[in-house]
Amino acid sequence: MDITSPCVVTLTWTLSDAQGQLMDQLDEPVEFFYGGEDLLPKVEEALQGQRAGFETHLHLEPENAFGDYHSELVCFEPRHLFPPDIQAGMQFEGLPEGAITPDMPDDLIYTITEVYPEHVVLDANHPLAGIALRIALKVLDVRGATEEEIAAGSVGDSPLALIGGPPPGQTLH
């Protein structure tokens, strides 16, 4: 079966930065919805019309991956607004109640990057924002999408959640 929208492709990949440093490796095959929100547009473009067995290497600049890094999405909030057991790497949807930083978006996922006695550093950028990526991927299978998958525009949660979820509308899966 050729890869055309909508369908489900089963992929493995190796993700590295522009210098070749390994960032993520998906050895176990995972299904992705093709024609929805699961894949980055440049990845879909490379897969269009291909079949099981297809392999490719892509180089994606930040604007074609997870966007540019925006320093205005970093803020400092008082430590007392957070639970006692927080640590770097934890993520929260929106800022905590009582946040003091003005004009920060409420609908983003904030990652704690540093914890100090008096304040916490939060970053709403995707962890891969501003980074050019290299993706080596292999198509293992292609199948028709179910009605439920078509309605959802996805087959499930992103394996990229292990390295931080992308902003809405910008996912590799």
C-alpha atoms as a PDB file:
ATOM      1  CA  MET A   1       0.000   0.000   0.000  1.00  0.00           C
ATOM      2  CA  ASP A   2       1.264   3.474  -0.880  1.00  0.00           C
ATOM      3  CA  ILE A   3       1.405   6.134   1.814  1.00  0.00           C
ATOM      4  CA  THR A   4      -1.481   8.514   1.132  1.00  0.00           C
ATOM      5  CA  SER A   5      -3.753  10.478   3.419  1.00  0.00           C
ATOM      6  CA  PRO A   6      -5.345   9.135   5.559  1.00  0.00           C
ATOM      7  CA  CYS A   7      -3.408   6.040   6.530  1.00  0.00           C
ATOM      8  CA  VAL A   8      -1.290   4.682   9.358  1.00  0.00           C
ATOM      9  CA  VAL A   9       2.424   4.133   8.924  1.00  0.00           C
ATOM     10  CA  THR A  10       4.600   2.073  11.236  1.00  0.00           C
ATOM     11  CA  LEU A  11       8.028   3.649  11.691  1.00  0.00           C
ATOM     12  CA  THR A  12      11.311   3.346  13.502  1.00  0.00           C
ATOM     13  CA  TRP A  13      13.752   6.264  13.640  1.00  0.00           C
ATOM     14  CA  THR A  14      16.921   7.729  14.972  1.00  0.00           C
ATOM     15  CA  LEU A  15      16.798  11.406  15.908  1.00  0.00           C
ATOM     16  CA  SER A  16      19.984  13.424  16.333  1.00  0.00           C
ATOM     17  CA  ASP A  17      20.987  17.054  16.356  1.00  0.00           C
ATOM     18  CA  ALA A  18      22.805  18.732  13.460  1.00  0.00           C
ATOM     19  CA  GLN A  19      26.170  17.617  14.889  1.00  0.00           C
ATOM     20  CA  GLY A  20      25.058  13.980  14.950  1.00  0.00           C
ATOM     21  CA  GLN A  21      24.529  13.723  18.734  1.00  0.00           C
ATOM     22  CA  LEU A  22      21.868  11.059  19.384  1.00  0.00           C
ATOM     23  CA  MET A  23      18.723  12.538  20.965  1.00  0.00           C
ATOM     24  CA  ASP A  24      16.165   9.746  20.616  1.00  0.00           C
ATOM     25  CA  GLN A  25      16.029   6.308  19.094  1.00  0.00           C
ATOM     26  CA  LEU A  26      12.790   4.552  18.368  1.00  0.00           C
ATOM     27  CA  ASP A  27      13.814   0.903  17.941  1.00  0.00           C
ATOM     28  CA  GLU A  28      10.392  -0.607  18.589  1.00  0.00           C
ATOM     29  CA  PRO A  29       8.009   0.081  15.695  1.00  0.00           C
ATOM     30  CA  VAL A  30       5.330   2.692  16.425  1.00  0.00           C
ATOM     31  CA  GLU A  31       2.240   3.580  14.409  1.00  0.00           C
ATOM     32  CA  PHE A  32       1.685   7.167  13.237  1.00  0.00           C
ATOM     33  CA  PHE A  33      -1.359   8.704  11.593  1.00  0.00           C
ATOM     34  CA  TYR A  34      -0.436  10.101   8.175  1.00  0.00           C
ATOM     35  CA  GLY A  35      -2.566  13.070   7.134  1.00  0.00           C
ATOM     36  CA  GLY A  36      -3.297  14.533  10.561  1.00  0.00           C
ATOM     37  CA  GLU A  37      -1.301  15.994  13.431  1.00  0.00           C
ATOM     38  CA  ASP A  38       1.029  13.069  14.161  1.00  0.00           C
ATOM     39  CA  LEU A  39       3.902  13.907  11.814  1.00  0.00           C
ATOM     40  CA  LEU A  40       5.814  17.057  10.989  1.00  0.00           C
ATOM     41  CA  PRO A  41       4.883  18.374   7.528  1.00  0.00           C
ATOM     42  CA  LYS A  42       8.400  17.765   6.126  1.00  0.00           C
ATOM     43  CA  VAL A  43       8.291  14.164   7.351  1.00  0.00           C
ATOM     44  CA  GLU A  44       4.888  13.659   5.694  1.00  0.00           C
ATOM     45  CA  GLU A  45       6.255  15.218   2.522  1.00  0.00           C
ATOM     46  CA  ALA A  46       9.150  12.723   2.465  1.00  0.00           C
ATOM     47  CA  LEU A  47       6.795   9.764   3.062  1.00  0.00           C
ATOM     48  CA  GLN A  48       4.152  10.718   0.464  1.00  0.00           C
ATOM     49  CA  GLY A  49       3.666   7.880  -2.035  1.00  0.00           C
ATOM     50  CA  GLN A  50       6.239   5.576  -0.435  1.00  0.00           C
ATOM     51  CA  ARG A  51       5.729   1.969   0.713  1.00  0.00           C
ATOM     52  CA  ALA A  52       6.874  -0.371   3.473  1.00  0.00           C
ATOM     53  CA  GLY A  53      10.647  -0.762   3.313  1.00  0.00           C
ATOM     54  CA  PHE A  54      11.275   2.899   2.427  1.00  0.00           C
ATOM     55  CA  GLU A  55      14.168   4.501   4.321  1.00  0.00           C
ATOM     56  CA  THR A  56      15.265   8.124   4.306  1.00  0.00           C
ATOM     57  CA  HIS A  57      17.474  10.628   6.092  1.00  0.00           C
ATOM     58  CA  LEU A  58      16.071  14.105   6.652  1.00  0.00           C
ATOM     59  CA  HIS A  59      17.699  17.308   7.843  1.00  0.00           C
ATOM     60  CA  LEU A  60      15.198  19.703   9.380  1.00  0.00           C
ATOM     61  CA  GLU A  61      15.995  23.285  10.287  1.00  0.00           C
ATOM     62  CA  PRO A  62      14.175  24.578  13.397  1.00  0.00           C
ATOM     63  CA  GLU A  63      11.403  26.241  11.360  1.00  0.00           C
ATOM     64  CA  ASN A  64      10.567  22.824   9.861  1.00  0.00           C
ATOM     65  CA  ALA A  65      10.868  20.968  13.168  1.00  0.00           C
ATOM     66  CA  PHE A  66       9.903  22.451  16.551  1.00  0.00           C
ATOM     67  CA  GLY A  67      10.343  26.136  15.785  1.00  0.00           C
ATOM     68  CA  ASP A  68      12.755  28.791  16.909  1.00  0.00           C
ATOM     69  CA  TYR A  69      13.621  29.314  20.563  1.00  0.00           C
ATOM     70  CA  HIS A  70      11.786  32.283  22.121  1.00  0.00           C
ATOM     71  CA  SER A  71      13.419  33.717  25.251  1.00  0.00           C
ATOM     72  CA  GLU A  72      10.166  35.533  26.094  1.00  0.00           C
ATOM     73  CA  LEU A  73       8.664  32.120  26.947  1.00  0.00           C
ATOM     74  CA  VAL A  74      11.008  31.764  29.945  1.00  0.00           C
ATOM     75  CA  CYS A  75       9.925  33.137  33.312  1.00  0.00           C
ATOM     76  CA  PHE A  76      10.751  33.055  37.024  1.00  0.00           C
ATOM     77  CA  GLU A  77       8.030  32.314  39.558  1.00  0.00           C
ATOM     78  CA  PRO A  78       8.167  32.257  43.376  1.00  0.00           C
ATOM     79  CA  ARG A  79       9.147  28.859  44.784  1.00  0.00           C
ATOM     80  CA  HIS A  80       6.243  28.823  47.281  1.00  0.00           C
ATOM     81  CA  LEU A  81       3.713  28.508  44.393  1.00  0.00           C
ATOM     82  CA  PHE A  82       4.872  24.938  43.699  1.00  0.00           C
ATOM     83  CA  PRO A  83       4.644  21.628  45.548  1.00  0.00           C
ATOM     84  CA  PRO A  84       7.640  20.844  47.784  1.00  0.00           C
ATOM     85  CA  ASP A  85       8.837  17.879  45.707  1.00  0.00           C
ATOM     86  CA  ILE A  86       9.241  19.601  42.325  1.00  0.00           C
ATOM     87  CA  GLN A  87      12.396  19.118  40.299  1.00  0.00           C
ATOM     88  CA  ALA A  88      13.889  20.100  36.968  1.00  0.00           C
ATOM     89  CA  GLY A  89      12.206  18.336  34.056  1.00  0.00           C
ATOM     90  CA  MET A  90       8.696  18.334  35.517  1.00  0.00           C
ATOM     91  CA  GLN A  91       6.024  19.856  33.313  1.00  0.00           C
ATOM     92  CA  PHE A  92       2.848  21.815  34.064  1.00  0.00           C
ATOM     93  CA  GLU A  93       0.051  23.040  31.877  1.00  0.00           C
ATOM     94  CA  GLY A  94      -0.080  26.806  32.340  1.00  0.00           C
ATOM     95  CA  LEU A  95       1.467  28.772  35.159  1.00  0.00           C
ATOM     96  CA  PRO A  96       0.556  28.070  38.789  1.00  0.00           C
ATOM     97  CA  GLU A  97      -2.205  30.020  40.490  1.00  0.00           C
ATOM     98  CA  GLY A  98      -0.739  33.243  41.856  1.00  0.00           C
ATOM     99  CA  ALA A  99       1.948  33.514  39.127  1.00  0.00           C
ATOM    100  CA  ILE A 100       3.503  36.952  38.942  1.00  0.00           C
ATOM    101  CA  THR A 101       4.932  37.029  35.399  1.00  0.00           C
ATOM    102  CA  PRO A 102       2.671  39.185  33.219  1.00  0.00           C
ATOM    103  CA  ASP A 103       1.521  38.238  29.720  1.00  0.00           C
ATOM    104  CA  MET A 104       2.592  34.589  29.766  1.00  0.00           C
ATOM    105  CA  PRO A 105       0.314  32.277  27.732  1.00  0.00           C
ATOM    106  CA  ASP A 106      -1.965  30.058  29.837  1.00  0.00           C
ATOM    107  CA  ASP A 107      -2.339  27.318  27.220  1.00  0.00           C
ATOM    108  CA  LEU A 108       1.283  26.145  27.006  1.00  0.00           C
ATOM    109  CA  ILE A 109       3.183  23.365  28.723  1.00  0.00           C
ATOM    110  CA  TYR A 110       5.869  24.792  31.014  1.00  0.00           C
ATOM    111  CA  THR A 111       8.969  22.764  31.865  1.00  0.00           C
ATOM    112  CA  ILE A 112      10.825  23.419  35.104  1.00  0.00           C
ATOM    113  CA  THR A 113      14.433  23.993  34.085  1.00  0.00           C
ATOM    114  CA  GLU A 114      15.863  25.031  37.459  1.00  0.00           C
ATOM    115  CA  VAL A 115      14.717  25.106  41.087  1.00  0.00           C
ATOM    116  CA  TYR A 116      16.177  27.630  43.532  1.00  0.00           C
ATOM    117  CA  PRO A 117      15.257  28.286  47.181  1.00  0.00           C
ATOM    118  CA  GLU A 118      13.374  31.477  46.269  1.00  0.00           C
ATOM    119  CA  HIS A 119      12.234  30.894  42.675  1.00  0.00           C
ATOM    120  CA  VAL A 120      11.614  28.375  39.898  1.00  0.00           C
ATOM    121  CA  VAL A 121      12.645  28.829  36.260  1.00  0.00           C
ATOM    122  CA  LEU A 122       9.943  27.798  33.779  1.00  0.00           C
ATOM    123  CA  ASP A 123      10.341  27.416  30.009  1.00  0.00           C
ATOM    124  CA  ALA A 124       7.373  27.069  27.628  1.00  0.00           C
ATOM    125  CA  ASN A 125       9.545  26.405  24.565  1.00  0.00           C
ATOM    126  CA  HIS A 126       9.499  22.890  23.180  1.00  0.00           C
ATOM    127  CA  PRO A 127      12.677  21.142  24.414  1.00  0.00           C
ATOM    128  CA  LEU A 128      13.810  20.828  20.785  1.00  0.00           C
ATOM    129  CA  ALA A 129      13.020  24.440  19.815  1.00  0.00           C
ATOM    130  CA  GLY A 130      15.869  26.153  18.021  1.00  0.00           C
ATOM    131  CA  ILE A 131      17.604  22.882  17.179  1.00  0.00           C
ATOM    132  CA  ALA A 132      18.211  21.579  13.657  1.00  0.00           C
ATOM    133  CA  LEU A 133      17.462  17.863  13.541  1.00  0.00           C
ATOM    134  CA  ARG A 134      18.557  14.834  11.573  1.00  0.00           C
ATOM    135  CA  ILE A 135      16.027  12.031  11.310  1.00  0.00           C
ATOM    136  CA  ALA A 136      16.802   8.617   9.870  1.00  0.00           C
ATOM    137  CA  LEU A 137      13.527   6.759   9.515  1.00  0.00           C
ATOM    138  CA  LYS A 138      12.282   3.491   8.112  1.00  0.00           C
ATOM    139  CA  VAL A 139       8.737   2.570   7.095  1.00  0.00           C
ATOM    140  CA  LEU A 140       7.938  -0.933   8.333  1.00  0.00           C
ATOM    141  CA  ASP A 141       4.232  -1.088   7.449  1.00  0.00           C
ATOM    142  CA  VAL A 142       1.394   0.929   5.926  1.00  0.00           C
ATOM    143  CA  ARG A 143      -2.302   0.278   6.544  1.00  0.00           C
ATOM    144  CA  GLY A 144      -5.616   2.013   6.133  1.00  0.00           C
ATOM    145  CA  ALA A 145      -6.712   4.187   9.040  1.00  0.00           C
ATOM    146  CA  THR A 146      -9.750   3.196  11.088  1.00  0.00           C
ATOM    147  CA  GLU A 147     -12.761   5.491  11.349  1.00  0.00           C
ATOM    148  CA  GLU A 148     -11.769   6.296  14.938  1.00  0.00           C
ATOM    149  CA  GLU A 149      -8.215   7.216  13.903  1.00  0.00           C
ATOM    150  CA  ILE A 150      -9.520   9.396  11.072  1.00  0.00           C
ATOM    151  CA  ALA A 151     -11.942  11.153  13.435  1.00  0.00           C
ATOM    152  CA  ALA A 152      -9.155  11.728  15.992  1.00  0.00           C
ATOM    153  CA  GLY A 153      -6.512  12.612  13.398  1.00  0.00           C
ATOM    154  CA  SER A 154      -4.074  10.546  15.452  1.00  0.00           C
ATOM    155  CA  VAL A 155      -3.302   7.037  16.660  1.00  0.00           C
ATOM    156  CA  GLY A 156      -2.278   8.012  20.201  1.00  0.00           C
ATOM    157  CA  ASP A 157       0.340   9.648  22.381  1.00  0.00           C
ATOM    158  CA  SER A 158       3.659  10.801  20.989  1.00  0.00           C
ATOM    159  CA  PRO A 159       6.789   8.794  21.734  1.00  0.00           C
ATOM    160  CA  LEU A 160       8.472  12.195  21.789  1.00  0.00           C
ATOM    161  CA  ALA A 161       6.821  12.722  25.167  1.00  0.00           C
ATOM    162  CA  LEU A 162       9.950  11.034  26.529  1.00  0.00           C
ATOM    163  CA  ILE A 163      11.960  14.045  25.437  1.00  0.00           C
ATOM    164  CA  GLY A 164       9.223  16.634  25.855  1.00  0.00           C
ATOM    165  CA  GLY A 165       5.975  17.129  24.029  1.00  0.00           C
ATOM    166  CA  PRO A 166       5.838  19.523  21.090  1.00  0.00           C
ATOM    167  CA  PRO A 167       3.564  22.512  20.840  1.00  0.00           C
ATOM    168  CA  PRO A 168       0.091  21.925  19.423  1.00  0.00           C
ATOM    169  CA  GLY A 169       0.126  21.242  15.723  1.00  0.00           C
ATOM    170  CA  GLN A 170       3.842  20.464  15.680  1.00  0.00           C
ATOM    171  CA  THR A 171       4.491  16.834  16.364  1.00  0.00           C
ATOM    172  CA  LEU A 172       6.672  14.180  14.898  1.00  0.00           C
ATOM    173  CA  HIS A 173       4.088  11.761  16.125  1.00  0.00           C
END
